[in-house]
Amino acid sequence: MDILSWIIVGLIAGWLAGAVMKGGGYGVVGDIIIGIVGAIIGGYLATTVFGVPSAVDGINFTSIFVAFLGAVLTIAIARALSPRTSV
C-alpha cells in the first residue's frame, strides 16, 4: 500500500473512530495519525489473532474497517493511560 492510500484510509478510519468515541476531536492531522496507527495495530491483530492475511491492503471496505477497529482500540488505550483532570 502506498503512502497516499495509508493517508486516505487513516483519515477515514481516524475520523470514524473519533466520531464513535465521542472525543473532543483530533483535527485532520490527528485523525490521520490515529487512523494510520489504528491500521497498523488492527492489521497486526487481524493477522496474528484471526489469521487474516493482508487485512489492510488498499482503499477498500475491509482495510477501512480493520483500521477503524484499530483506531478505536488506540483511542481507548490512550484515554485509559492519560491522567484524569477534574474541572
N, C-alpha and C. Protein backbone atom coordinates (compact mmCIF):
# COMPACT_ATOMS: atom_id res chain seq x y z
N MET A 1 0.85 -1.17 0.00
CA MET A 1 0.00 0.00 0.00
C MET A 1 0.90 1.23 0.00
N ASP A 2 0.65 2.17 -0.89
CA ASP A 2 1.49 3.36 -0.94
C ASP A 2 1.06 4.39 0.10
N ILE A 3 1.85 5.43 0.25
CA ILE A 3 1.63 6.41 1.31
C ILE A 3 0.30 7.15 1.16
N LEU A 4 -0.12 7.42 -0.05
CA LEU A 4 -1.40 8.09 -0.26
C LEU A 4 -2.56 7.23 0.21
N SER A 5 -2.49 5.94 -0.03
CA SER A 5 -3.53 5.02 0.45
C SER A 5 -3.56 4.99 1.97
N TRP A 6 -2.39 4.96 2.60
CA TRP A 6 -2.34 4.98 4.07
C TRP A 6 -2.97 6.25 4.62
N ILE A 7 -2.69 7.39 3.97
CA ILE A 7 -3.25 8.65 4.44
C ILE A 7 -4.77 8.67 4.28
N ILE A 8 -5.27 8.22 3.14
CA ILE A 8 -6.72 8.22 2.90
C ILE A 8 -7.43 7.27 3.85
N VAL A 9 -6.92 6.04 3.98
CA VAL A 9 -7.53 5.07 4.90
C VAL A 9 -7.42 5.58 6.33
N GLY A 10 -6.26 6.15 6.68
CA GLY A 10 -6.08 6.70 8.03
C GLY A 10 -7.02 7.83 8.34
N LEU A 11 -7.24 8.72 7.36
CA LEU A 11 -8.16 9.83 7.57
C LEU A 11 -9.58 9.34 7.79
N ILE A 12 -10.03 8.42 6.96
CA ILE A 12 -11.39 7.91 7.09
C ILE A 12 -11.56 7.15 8.41
N ALA A 13 -10.63 6.25 8.71
CA ALA A 13 -10.73 5.45 9.93
C ALA A 13 -10.59 6.31 11.17
N GLY A 14 -9.68 7.27 11.17
CA GLY A 14 -9.50 8.15 12.32
C GLY A 14 -10.70 9.03 12.57
N TRP A 15 -11.29 9.54 11.48
CA TRP A 15 -12.49 10.38 11.64
C TRP A 15 -13.65 9.55 12.19
N LEU A 16 -13.85 8.35 11.65
CA LEU A 16 -14.93 7.49 12.14
C LEU A 16 -14.71 7.12 13.61
N ALA A 17 -13.48 6.77 13.96
CA ALA A 17 -13.19 6.40 15.35
C ALA A 17 -13.40 7.58 16.29
N GLY A 18 -12.98 8.77 15.87
CA GLY A 18 -13.19 9.96 16.69
C GLY A 18 -14.67 10.26 16.89
N ALA A 19 -15.47 10.03 15.85
CA ALA A 19 -16.91 10.26 15.96
C ALA A 19 -17.57 9.23 16.87
N VAL A 20 -17.14 7.99 16.79
CA VAL A 20 -17.72 6.93 17.61
C VAL A 20 -17.31 7.07 19.07
N MET A 21 -16.07 7.45 19.31
CA MET A 21 -15.56 7.53 20.68
C MET A 21 -15.95 8.83 21.38
N LYS A 22 -16.64 9.73 20.69
CA LYS A 22 -17.18 10.97 21.27
C LYS A 22 -16.13 11.79 22.02
N GLY A 23 -15.02 12.06 21.35
CA GLY A 23 -13.97 12.86 21.97
C GLY A 23 -14.07 14.31 21.55
N GLY A 24 -13.10 15.07 21.98
CA GLY A 24 -13.05 16.47 21.63
C GLY A 24 -12.58 16.69 20.20
N GLY A 25 -12.16 15.64 19.55
CA GLY A 25 -11.67 15.75 18.18
C GLY A 25 -10.16 15.90 18.16
N TYR A 26 -9.55 15.44 17.11
CA TYR A 26 -8.10 15.49 17.00
C TYR A 26 -7.65 16.32 15.81
N GLY A 27 -8.56 16.84 15.02
CA GLY A 27 -8.20 17.59 13.83
C GLY A 27 -7.85 16.64 12.69
N VAL A 28 -7.61 17.20 11.53
CA VAL A 28 -7.34 16.38 10.35
C VAL A 28 -6.05 15.59 10.51
N VAL A 29 -4.98 16.26 10.95
CA VAL A 29 -3.69 15.57 11.10
C VAL A 29 -3.77 14.52 12.20
N GLY A 30 -4.42 14.86 13.30
CA GLY A 30 -4.59 13.90 14.39
C GLY A 30 -5.40 12.69 13.97
N ASP A 31 -6.47 12.92 13.20
CA ASP A 31 -7.27 11.81 12.69
C ASP A 31 -6.46 10.90 11.78
N ILE A 32 -5.63 11.50 10.93
CA ILE A 32 -4.79 10.70 10.04
C ILE A 32 -3.81 9.85 10.86
N ILE A 33 -3.19 10.46 11.85
CA ILE A 33 -2.22 9.73 12.67
C ILE A 33 -2.91 8.62 13.44
N ILE A 34 -4.04 8.92 14.08
CA ILE A 34 -4.80 7.89 14.81
C ILE A 34 -5.22 6.78 13.86
N GLY A 35 -5.66 7.14 12.67
CA GLY A 35 -6.09 6.13 11.69
C GLY A 35 -4.95 5.26 11.20
N ILE A 36 -3.78 5.85 10.95
CA ILE A 36 -2.63 5.07 10.50
C ILE A 36 -2.14 4.16 11.61
N VAL A 37 -2.05 4.67 12.83
CA VAL A 37 -1.67 3.81 13.96
C VAL A 37 -2.72 2.71 14.14
N GLY A 38 -3.99 3.06 14.00
CA GLY A 38 -5.05 2.06 14.09
C GLY A 38 -4.95 1.01 13.00
N ALA A 39 -4.55 1.42 11.80
CA ALA A 39 -4.38 0.46 10.70
C ALA A 39 -3.23 -0.50 11.01
N ILE A 40 -2.17 0.02 11.57
CA ILE A 40 -1.03 -0.84 11.93
C ILE A 40 -1.44 -1.82 13.02
N ILE A 41 -2.07 -1.32 14.07
CA ILE A 41 -2.49 -2.19 15.18
C ILE A 41 -3.57 -3.16 14.72
N GLY A 42 -4.57 -2.66 14.01
CA GLY A 42 -5.64 -3.53 13.53
C GLY A 42 -5.14 -4.58 12.56
N GLY A 43 -4.24 -4.19 11.66
CA GLY A 43 -3.67 -5.15 10.72
C GLY A 43 -2.85 -6.21 11.41
N TYR A 44 -2.09 -5.80 12.42
CA TYR A 44 -1.29 -6.76 13.18
C TYR A 44 -2.18 -7.74 13.92
N LEU A 45 -3.20 -7.23 14.59
CA LEU A 45 -4.10 -8.11 15.34
C LEU A 45 -4.90 -9.03 14.41
N ALA A 46 -5.34 -8.50 13.28
CA ALA A 46 -6.10 -9.33 12.34
C ALA A 46 -5.24 -10.45 11.78
N THR A 47 -3.97 -10.17 11.55
CA THR A 47 -3.07 -11.19 11.01
C THR A 47 -2.68 -12.21 12.06
N THR A 48 -2.29 -11.77 13.26
CA THR A 48 -1.80 -12.70 14.27
C THR A 48 -2.91 -13.43 15.02
N VAL A 49 -3.97 -12.73 15.37
CA VAL A 49 -5.03 -13.34 16.17
C VAL A 49 -6.04 -14.10 15.32
N PHE A 50 -6.47 -13.47 14.22
CA PHE A 50 -7.53 -14.07 13.41
C PHE A 50 -7.02 -14.74 12.15
N GLY A 51 -5.74 -14.63 11.85
CA GLY A 51 -5.16 -15.29 10.69
C GLY A 51 -5.61 -14.74 9.35
N VAL A 52 -5.96 -13.46 9.31
CA VAL A 52 -6.38 -12.82 8.06
C VAL A 52 -5.15 -12.26 7.36
N PRO A 53 -4.74 -12.81 6.22
CA PRO A 53 -3.56 -12.28 5.55
C PRO A 53 -3.88 -10.96 4.84
N SER A 54 -3.00 -10.01 4.93
CA SER A 54 -3.14 -8.71 4.26
C SER A 54 -4.48 -8.05 4.57
N ALA A 55 -4.74 -7.82 5.85
CA ALA A 55 -6.02 -7.23 6.25
C ALA A 55 -6.14 -5.77 5.79
N VAL A 56 -5.03 -5.06 5.74
CA VAL A 56 -5.03 -3.67 5.29
C VAL A 56 -4.16 -3.61 4.05
N ASP A 57 -4.82 -3.62 2.87
CA ASP A 57 -4.04 -3.73 1.63
C ASP A 57 -4.52 -2.79 0.52
N GLY A 58 -5.14 -1.71 0.86
CA GLY A 58 -5.59 -0.76 -0.16
C GLY A 58 -6.78 0.03 0.34
N ILE A 59 -7.36 0.80 -0.54
CA ILE A 59 -8.53 1.58 -0.17
C ILE A 59 -9.76 0.74 -0.48
N ASN A 60 -10.22 0.02 0.53
CA ASN A 60 -11.42 -0.80 0.39
C ASN A 60 -12.11 -0.90 1.75
N PHE A 61 -13.29 -1.51 1.76
CA PHE A 61 -14.07 -1.57 2.99
C PHE A 61 -13.34 -2.33 4.09
N THR A 62 -12.72 -3.45 3.74
CA THR A 62 -12.04 -4.27 4.75
C THR A 62 -10.90 -3.49 5.40
N SER A 63 -10.11 -2.80 4.60
CA SER A 63 -8.99 -2.02 5.15
C SER A 63 -9.49 -0.92 6.07
N ILE A 64 -10.53 -0.22 5.65
CA ILE A 64 -11.07 0.86 6.47
C ILE A 64 -11.67 0.30 7.76
N PHE A 65 -12.35 -0.83 7.68
CA PHE A 65 -12.95 -1.44 8.87
C PHE A 65 -11.89 -1.90 9.87
N VAL A 66 -10.85 -2.55 9.38
CA VAL A 66 -9.77 -3.00 10.25
C VAL A 66 -9.04 -1.81 10.87
N ALA A 67 -8.78 -0.78 10.06
CA ALA A 67 -8.13 0.42 10.58
C ALA A 67 -9.02 1.14 11.59
N PHE A 68 -10.32 1.16 11.34
CA PHE A 68 -11.28 1.77 12.27
C PHE A 68 -11.25 1.06 13.61
N LEU A 69 -11.30 -0.27 13.60
CA LEU A 69 -11.26 -1.03 14.86
C LEU A 69 -9.95 -0.79 15.60
N GLY A 70 -8.85 -0.76 14.87
CA GLY A 70 -7.56 -0.46 15.49
C GLY A 70 -7.51 0.95 16.04
N ALA A 71 -8.10 1.91 15.36
CA ALA A 71 -8.12 3.29 15.83
C ALA A 71 -8.97 3.44 17.09
N VAL A 72 -10.10 2.75 17.13
CA VAL A 72 -10.94 2.77 18.34
C VAL A 72 -10.15 2.19 19.51
N LEU A 73 -9.45 1.09 19.28
CA LEU A 73 -8.63 0.48 20.33
C LEU A 73 -7.51 1.44 20.75
N THR A 74 -6.91 2.12 19.81
CA THR A 74 -5.84 3.08 20.11
C THR A 74 -6.37 4.23 20.96
N ILE A 75 -7.52 4.77 20.61
CA ILE A 75 -8.11 5.86 21.39
C ILE A 75 -8.47 5.39 22.79
N ALA A 76 -9.05 4.19 22.90
CA ALA A 76 -9.42 3.67 24.22
C ALA A 76 -8.19 3.49 25.11
N ILE A 77 -7.10 2.96 24.55
CA ILE A 77 -5.87 2.78 25.33
C ILE A 77 -5.28 4.13 25.71
N ALA A 78 -5.27 5.08 24.78
CA ALA A 78 -4.73 6.42 25.08
C ALA A 78 -5.53 7.10 26.18
N ARG A 79 -6.84 6.96 26.14
CA ARG A 79 -7.67 7.57 27.19
C ARG A 79 -7.46 6.89 28.55
N ALA A 80 -7.26 5.57 28.53
CA ALA A 80 -7.05 4.84 29.78
C ALA A 80 -5.70 5.20 30.40
N LEU A 81 -4.71 5.50 29.59
CA LEU A 81 -3.38 5.81 30.10
C LEU A 81 -3.18 7.29 30.42
N SER A 82 -4.03 8.16 29.90
CA SER A 82 -3.86 9.59 30.14
C SER A 82 -4.37 9.95 31.53
N PRO A 83 -3.71 10.91 32.16
CA PRO A 83 -4.16 11.31 33.51
C PRO A 83 -5.50 12.04 33.44
N ARG A 84 -6.30 11.79 34.42
CA ARG A 84 -7.61 12.44 34.50
C ARG A 84 -7.46 13.83 35.11
N THR A 85 -8.18 14.80 34.55
CA THR A 85 -8.19 16.14 35.11
C THR A 85 -9.60 16.47 35.58
N SER A 86 -9.70 17.11 36.72
CA SER A 86 -11.02 17.47 37.23
C SER A 86 -11.26 18.94 36.95
N VAL A 87 -12.52 19.27 36.74
CA VAL A 87 -12.88 20.65 36.40
C VAL A 87 -13.39 21.35 37.63
